[in-house]
Amino acid sequence: MSKPKDLPKQEQKKQPGKQQKMQPEPEVIRKDYKGSDKLKGKVALITGGDSGIGQSVAVHFAKEGAKVAIVYLSEDKDAEETVKMIEEARSEALALKGDLKEEAFCKEVVKKTVEKFGGLNILVNNAAMQFPQENPEHVSSNQVKKTFETNIYPYFFTVTEALKHLSNGDCIINTTSVTAYRGSEHLLDYSSTKGAITAYTRSLSKMLAEKNIRVNGVAPGPIWTPLIPASFDAEHVKEFGKKVPMGRAGQPSEVGPAYVFLASKDGSYITGQVIHVNGGEVVGA
C-alpha cells in the first residue's frame, strides 16, 4: 500500500495518547479486507485494544468472526470507537477500563471476558508504554519500575488467569518489538521489556506445547499509533519511520493480519516464533 512518507509535526502530552487527535489518523483496517470466518466461534481478549495495533487486531478478529474484549487505560473515546467498529463487523464487544499494573485487574479482565462470552480462546498481550531518554543516567528507577510493571508484568498475571480457560487449540500472542532485536538509542528500558517479552514467549511456548496451546509473538517496527506523538517531540514524529528500507511508517492495518494468521488454524504448527512486521529491517532471530 502507498502512504505519504512525511507525517505532520505533532505531539501529545500524555500517554497512551488519543487516536482522534492524530493527523492523519491511523488506518485500522483496509477497506478491501474481507473476513473468511477464520476465528468464527472464538473469544479473544486484547490488552491495549482501544487504539493503534490493539484496535486493529480487535477489528480484524471481529471481521473473522471472533467475539472481542478489549482492555484500555483511560482513552474512553478510542475505546468507544473500537467497540463500534467491532459491532459494525457484526460481532460482540466488551470494553474493560483499568490499570494493568495492578495484578487484581489483570485477573479481573479475564474473569469478566469469560463471564460475558462463556469462554476464552485467544489472549493478546499488547499494552505498553515508552519513555524516551537519550542518556542512561536519565532513566530513573521510577521510570524503570513503571515501564516494566506496564509492559511485561501483566503478561504473567493475565496468562496465569487465562490458563484456567484456554485449552487444546487455543493460543496466546504477545506484542514484542523490533527494538528487542536491534536495540534502541533512546528506549533503553522499553527495549529491555520487549526483549523480556520475546524470551517469555519462547519459554512459555515450550511449557504449553504438550497442551497444544500455541504461544507466539509479533515484533512491529515503526507503526503509526497514538504512542508515537505521545512519546516523542514534534520533530521526531515528522521523521518517524523514514529510516527503514521501505522509507515510511507502517499502519496498524498492516500489522493486524499477522495476529489473525497466528490465531487461526493457518498457524496451527507454529509456536515459540515471532513475526517481524517492520518495513524491511533485517534482524536476528
Protein backbone atom coordinates (compact mmCIF):
# COMPACT_ATOMS: atom_id res chain seq x y z
CA MET A 1 0.00 0.00 0.00
CA SER A 2 1.18 3.53 -0.65
CA LYS A 3 1.32 6.05 2.18
CA PRO A 4 2.88 9.53 2.35
CA LYS A 5 6.38 9.47 3.80
CA ASP A 6 6.00 12.77 5.63
CA LEU A 7 3.98 12.98 8.84
CA PRO A 8 2.86 16.41 10.11
CA LYS A 9 4.67 17.71 13.16
CA GLN A 10 2.59 16.91 16.24
CA GLU A 11 2.83 15.74 19.80
CA GLN A 12 0.60 14.84 22.72
CA LYS A 13 1.41 15.45 26.35
CA LYS A 14 0.11 12.23 27.91
CA GLN A 15 0.37 8.51 27.22
CA PRO A 16 -1.13 6.31 25.90
CA GLY A 17 -2.31 9.09 23.56
CA LYS A 18 -5.57 9.87 21.79
CA GLN A 19 -6.08 8.47 18.33
CA GLN A 20 -8.66 11.09 17.34
CA LYS A 21 -6.04 13.82 17.75
CA MET A 22 -3.56 12.23 15.34
CA GLN A 23 -3.02 13.71 11.88
CA PRO A 24 -3.59 11.67 9.86
CA GLU A 25 -5.48 9.14 11.93
CA PRO A 26 -4.03 5.64 11.58
CA GLU A 27 -5.60 3.17 9.17
CA VAL A 28 -7.10 0.44 11.34
CA ILE A 29 -8.19 -1.99 8.63
CA ARG A 30 -8.06 -1.91 4.85
CA LYS A 31 -11.34 -1.09 3.15
CA ASP A 32 -10.94 -4.16 0.94
CA TYR A 33 -10.24 -6.57 3.83
CA LYS A 34 -12.76 -9.39 3.79
CA GLY A 35 -13.05 -11.85 6.64
CA SER A 36 -13.49 -15.56 5.98
CA ASP A 37 -14.65 -16.90 9.37
CA LYS A 38 -11.11 -17.89 10.36
CA LEU A 39 -11.97 -17.17 14.01
CA LYS A 40 -15.66 -17.99 13.98
CA GLY A 41 -16.91 -19.01 17.41
CA LYS A 42 -13.73 -17.85 19.16
CA VAL A 43 -13.42 -15.44 22.08
CA ALA A 44 -10.47 -13.05 22.20
CA LEU A 45 -9.11 -10.76 24.91
CA ILE A 46 -6.78 -7.95 23.80
CA THR A 47 -4.94 -5.62 26.17
CA GLY A 48 -4.31 -2.13 24.83
CA GLY A 49 -7.15 -2.81 22.42
CA ASP A 50 -8.62 0.69 22.24
CA SER A 51 -6.27 2.16 19.63
CA GLY A 52 -3.32 1.54 17.35
CA ILE A 53 -2.20 -2.04 16.85
CA GLY A 54 -4.54 -3.39 19.52
CA GLN A 55 -7.55 -1.75 17.90
CA SER A 56 -6.54 -3.12 14.52
CA VAL A 57 -6.23 -6.63 15.95
CA ALA A 58 -9.64 -6.30 17.60
CA VAL A 59 -11.36 -5.24 14.38
CA HIS A 60 -9.60 -7.87 12.27
CA PHE A 61 -10.58 -10.56 14.79
CA ALA A 62 -14.19 -9.34 14.70
CA LYS A 63 -14.16 -9.44 10.90
CA GLU A 64 -13.05 -13.07 11.19
CA GLY A 65 -15.97 -13.95 13.47
CA ALA A 66 -14.49 -13.66 16.97
CA LYS A 67 -16.15 -12.04 19.96
CA VAL A 68 -13.72 -9.49 21.33
CA ALA A 69 -12.97 -7.98 24.74
CA ILE A 70 -10.57 -5.03 24.84
CA VAL A 71 -8.69 -3.63 27.82
CA TYR A 72 -7.72 0.04 27.98
CA LEU A 73 -6.29 2.51 30.48
CA SER A 74 -8.14 5.83 30.08
CA GLU A 75 -8.99 6.73 26.49
CA ASP A 76 -12.77 6.33 26.58
CA LYS A 77 -13.46 7.77 23.12
CA ASP A 78 -10.95 5.48 21.44
CA ALA A 79 -12.45 2.51 23.28
CA GLU A 80 -15.96 3.52 22.26
CA GLU A 81 -14.86 3.75 18.63
CA THR A 82 -13.29 0.29 18.83
CA VAL A 83 -16.50 -1.18 20.26
CA LYS A 84 -18.43 0.49 17.46
CA MET A 85 -16.13 -0.97 14.81
CA ILE A 86 -16.37 -4.45 16.32
CA GLU A 87 -20.15 -4.24 16.32
CA GLU A 88 -20.18 -2.92 12.75
CA ALA A 89 -18.27 -6.08 11.86
CA ARG A 90 -21.31 -7.96 13.19
CA SER A 91 -19.61 -9.25 16.28
CA GLU A 92 -19.88 -8.67 20.03
CA ALA A 93 -17.62 -6.40 22.08
CA LEU A 94 -16.68 -5.79 25.70
CA ALA A 95 -14.58 -2.83 26.87
CA LEU A 96 -12.77 -3.09 30.20
CA LYS A 97 -11.18 0.02 31.70
CA GLY A 98 -8.39 -0.10 34.26
CA ASP A 99 -4.69 -0.23 35.05
CA LEU A 100 -2.89 -3.43 34.08
CA LYS A 101 -0.09 -2.64 36.52
CA GLU A 102 -2.50 -3.99 39.14
CA GLU A 103 -2.40 -7.78 39.33
CA ALA A 104 -6.00 -7.98 40.54
CA PHE A 105 -7.22 -6.07 37.49
CA CYS A 106 -5.27 -8.38 35.15
CA LYS A 107 -7.12 -11.34 36.61
CA GLU A 108 -10.43 -9.46 36.60
CA VAL A 109 -10.36 -8.76 32.86
CA VAL A 110 -10.00 -12.47 32.13
CA LYS A 111 -12.85 -13.34 34.51
CA LYS A 112 -15.16 -10.68 33.04
CA THR A 113 -14.41 -11.82 29.50
CA VAL A 114 -15.32 -15.39 30.37
CA GLU A 115 -18.46 -14.26 32.20
CA LYS A 116 -19.55 -12.19 29.20
CA PHE A 117 -18.77 -14.61 26.39
CA GLY A 118 -18.69 -18.01 28.08
CA GLY A 119 -15.03 -18.80 27.48
CA LEU A 120 -11.66 -17.65 26.18
CA ASN A 121 -9.63 -18.92 23.22
CA ILE A 122 -7.18 -16.15 22.29
CA LEU A 123 -5.20 -13.90 24.62
CA VAL A 124 -3.32 -10.98 23.06
CA ASN A 125 -0.91 -9.19 25.41
CA ASN A 126 -0.30 -5.86 23.74
CA ALA A 127 -0.49 -2.86 26.12
CA ALA A 128 2.72 -0.87 26.55
CA MET A 129 4.26 2.50 27.36
CA GLN A 130 7.61 4.06 26.47
CA PHE A 131 9.57 6.99 27.86
CA PRO A 132 12.44 8.07 25.59
CA GLN A 133 15.72 9.16 27.22
CA GLU A 134 18.96 9.97 25.40
CA ASN A 135 21.28 9.12 28.31
CA PRO A 136 21.29 6.03 30.55
CA GLU A 137 21.66 8.16 33.67
CA HIS A 138 18.36 9.88 32.86
CA VAL A 139 16.46 6.59 33.12
CA SER A 140 15.27 6.86 36.71
CA SER A 141 14.42 3.94 38.97
CA ASN A 142 10.79 5.11 38.97
CA GLN A 143 10.73 5.07 35.17
CA VAL A 144 12.23 1.57 35.02
CA LYS A 145 9.66 0.33 37.52
CA LYS A 146 6.73 1.87 35.62
CA THR A 147 7.92 0.56 32.26
CA PHE A 148 8.41 -3.00 33.49
CA GLU A 149 5.19 -3.01 35.53
CA THR A 150 3.26 -1.85 32.46
CA ASN A 151 4.98 -3.75 29.66
CA ILE A 152 5.85 -7.21 30.99
CA TYR A 153 4.41 -7.90 34.46
CA PRO A 154 0.78 -8.05 33.16
CA TYR A 155 1.76 -10.83 30.76
CA PHE A 156 2.44 -13.11 33.71
CA PHE A 157 -0.77 -12.12 35.51
CA THR A 158 -3.16 -12.39 32.54
CA VAL A 159 -1.68 -15.68 31.36
CA THR A 160 -1.92 -17.26 34.82
CA GLU A 161 -5.64 -16.49 34.91
CA ALA A 162 -6.25 -17.25 31.23
CA LEU A 163 -4.77 -20.76 31.53
CA LYS A 164 -7.76 -21.70 33.66
CA HIS A 165 -9.82 -21.40 30.48
CA LEU A 166 -7.50 -21.95 27.49
CA SER A 167 -7.37 -25.47 26.10
CA ASN A 168 -6.33 -27.59 23.13
CA GLY A 169 -6.04 -25.43 20.00
CA ASP A 170 -6.16 -22.08 21.79
CA CYS A 171 -3.36 -19.52 21.71
CA ILE A 172 -1.52 -16.61 23.26
CA ILE A 173 0.03 -13.83 21.15
CA ASN A 174 2.46 -11.34 22.66
CA THR A 175 3.48 -7.99 21.18
CA THR A 176 7.23 -7.55 21.33
CA SER A 177 9.17 -5.06 19.16
CA VAL A 178 11.96 -4.64 16.64
CA THR A 179 13.82 -2.88 19.48
CA ALA A 180 14.17 -6.24 21.25
CA TYR A 181 16.35 -7.40 18.35
CA ARG A 182 18.36 -4.38 17.24
CA GLY A 183 18.21 -2.22 20.37
CA SER A 184 17.32 1.47 20.61
CA GLU A 185 19.45 4.53 21.34
CA HIS A 186 16.61 6.26 23.20
CA LEU A 187 14.38 3.47 24.53
CA LEU A 188 16.63 1.63 26.97
CA ASP A 189 14.01 0.39 29.44
CA TYR A 190 11.31 -0.10 26.80
CA SER A 191 13.52 -2.24 24.55
CA SER A 192 14.59 -4.22 27.64
CA THR A 193 10.97 -5.10 28.39
CA LYS A 194 10.43 -6.11 24.77
CA GLY A 195 13.45 -8.39 24.96
CA ALA A 196 11.92 -9.91 28.08
CA ILE A 197 8.66 -10.44 26.19
CA THR A 198 10.48 -12.30 23.42
CA ALA A 199 12.17 -14.60 25.94
CA TYR A 200 8.89 -15.03 27.81
CA THR A 201 7.15 -16.03 24.58
CA ARG A 202 9.75 -18.66 23.73
CA SER A 203 9.82 -20.15 27.23
CA LEU A 204 6.04 -20.19 27.65
CA SER A 205 5.61 -21.86 24.26
CA LYS A 206 7.72 -24.79 25.45
CA MET A 207 5.79 -25.05 28.69
CA LEU A 208 2.42 -25.20 26.91
CA ALA A 209 3.31 -27.20 23.79
CA GLU A 210 2.09 -30.51 25.26
CA LYS A 211 -1.31 -28.92 25.86
CA ASN A 212 -1.37 -27.69 22.24
CA ILE A 213 -1.73 -24.10 23.40
CA ARG A 214 0.39 -22.13 20.99
CA VAL A 215 2.38 -19.05 22.10
CA ASN A 216 3.81 -16.66 19.53
CA GLY A 217 4.75 -13.02 19.13
CA VAL A 218 4.62 -10.13 16.70
CA ALA A 219 7.50 -7.64 16.58
CA PRO A 220 6.31 -4.40 14.97
CA GLY A 221 8.72 -1.80 13.67
CA PRO A 222 7.74 1.88 13.34
CA ILE A 223 3.93 1.77 13.31
CA TRP A 224 1.80 4.93 13.32
CA THR A 225 -0.07 4.69 16.64
CA PRO A 226 -1.03 7.17 19.41
CA LEU A 227 2.01 6.09 21.40
CA ILE A 228 4.28 7.87 18.90
CA PRO A 229 3.08 11.50 19.24
CA ALA A 230 2.53 10.83 22.95
CA SER A 231 6.16 9.72 23.36
CA PHE A 232 8.27 11.88 21.05
CA ASP A 233 8.58 15.56 20.20
CA ALA A 234 7.11 17.01 17.01
CA GLU A 235 10.39 16.95 15.07
CA HIS A 236 10.94 13.26 15.80
CA VAL A 237 7.36 12.49 14.75
CA LYS A 238 7.93 14.20 11.40
CA GLU A 239 10.82 11.85 10.67
CA PHE A 240 9.17 8.75 12.17
CA GLY A 241 9.63 5.62 10.08
CA LYS A 242 11.86 7.11 7.40
CA LYS A 243 14.96 5.10 8.34
CA VAL A 244 13.56 1.67 7.48
CA PRO A 245 14.15 0.29 3.96
CA MET A 246 10.55 0.95 2.92
CA GLY A 247 11.03 4.60 3.90
CA ARG A 248 7.81 5.12 5.82
CA ALA A 249 5.93 4.31 8.98
CA GLY A 250 3.62 1.33 8.84
CA GLN A 251 -0.09 1.40 9.55
CA PRO A 252 -1.90 -0.72 12.16
CA SER A 253 -3.83 -2.23 9.24
CA GLU A 254 -0.55 -3.75 8.07
CA VAL A 255 0.08 -5.44 11.43
CA GLY A 256 -3.37 -6.77 12.38
CA PRO A 257 -3.41 -9.60 9.78
CA ALA A 258 -0.27 -11.11 11.35
CA TYR A 259 -2.24 -11.69 14.54
CA VAL A 260 -5.10 -13.24 12.56
CA PHE A 261 -2.65 -15.67 10.98
CA LEU A 262 -1.17 -16.70 14.32
CA ALA A 263 -4.59 -17.01 15.98
CA SER A 264 -6.17 -19.10 13.23
CA LYS A 265 -5.70 -22.67 12.03
CA ASP A 266 -3.32 -21.28 9.41
CA GLY A 267 -0.76 -21.06 12.21
CA SER A 268 -1.53 -24.45 13.77
CA TYR A 269 2.09 -25.71 13.51
CA ILE A 270 3.70 -22.50 14.70
CA THR A 271 4.67 -21.86 18.31
CA GLY A 272 7.54 -20.05 20.01
CA GLN A 273 8.01 -17.82 16.96
CA VAL A 274 7.91 -14.09 16.23
CA ILE A 275 6.62 -12.44 13.06
CA HIS A 276 8.55 -9.28 12.14
CA VAL A 277 6.35 -6.54 10.64
CA ASN A 278 8.91 -3.76 10.40
CA GLY A 279 9.19 -2.23 6.93
CA GLY A 280 12.22 -4.25 5.87
CA GLU A 281 14.65 -4.16 8.80
CA VAL A 282 16.61 -7.40 8.78
CA VAL A 283 17.10 -8.51 12.38
CA GLY A 284 18.41 -11.61 14.10
CA ALA A 285 16.12 -14.41 15.19
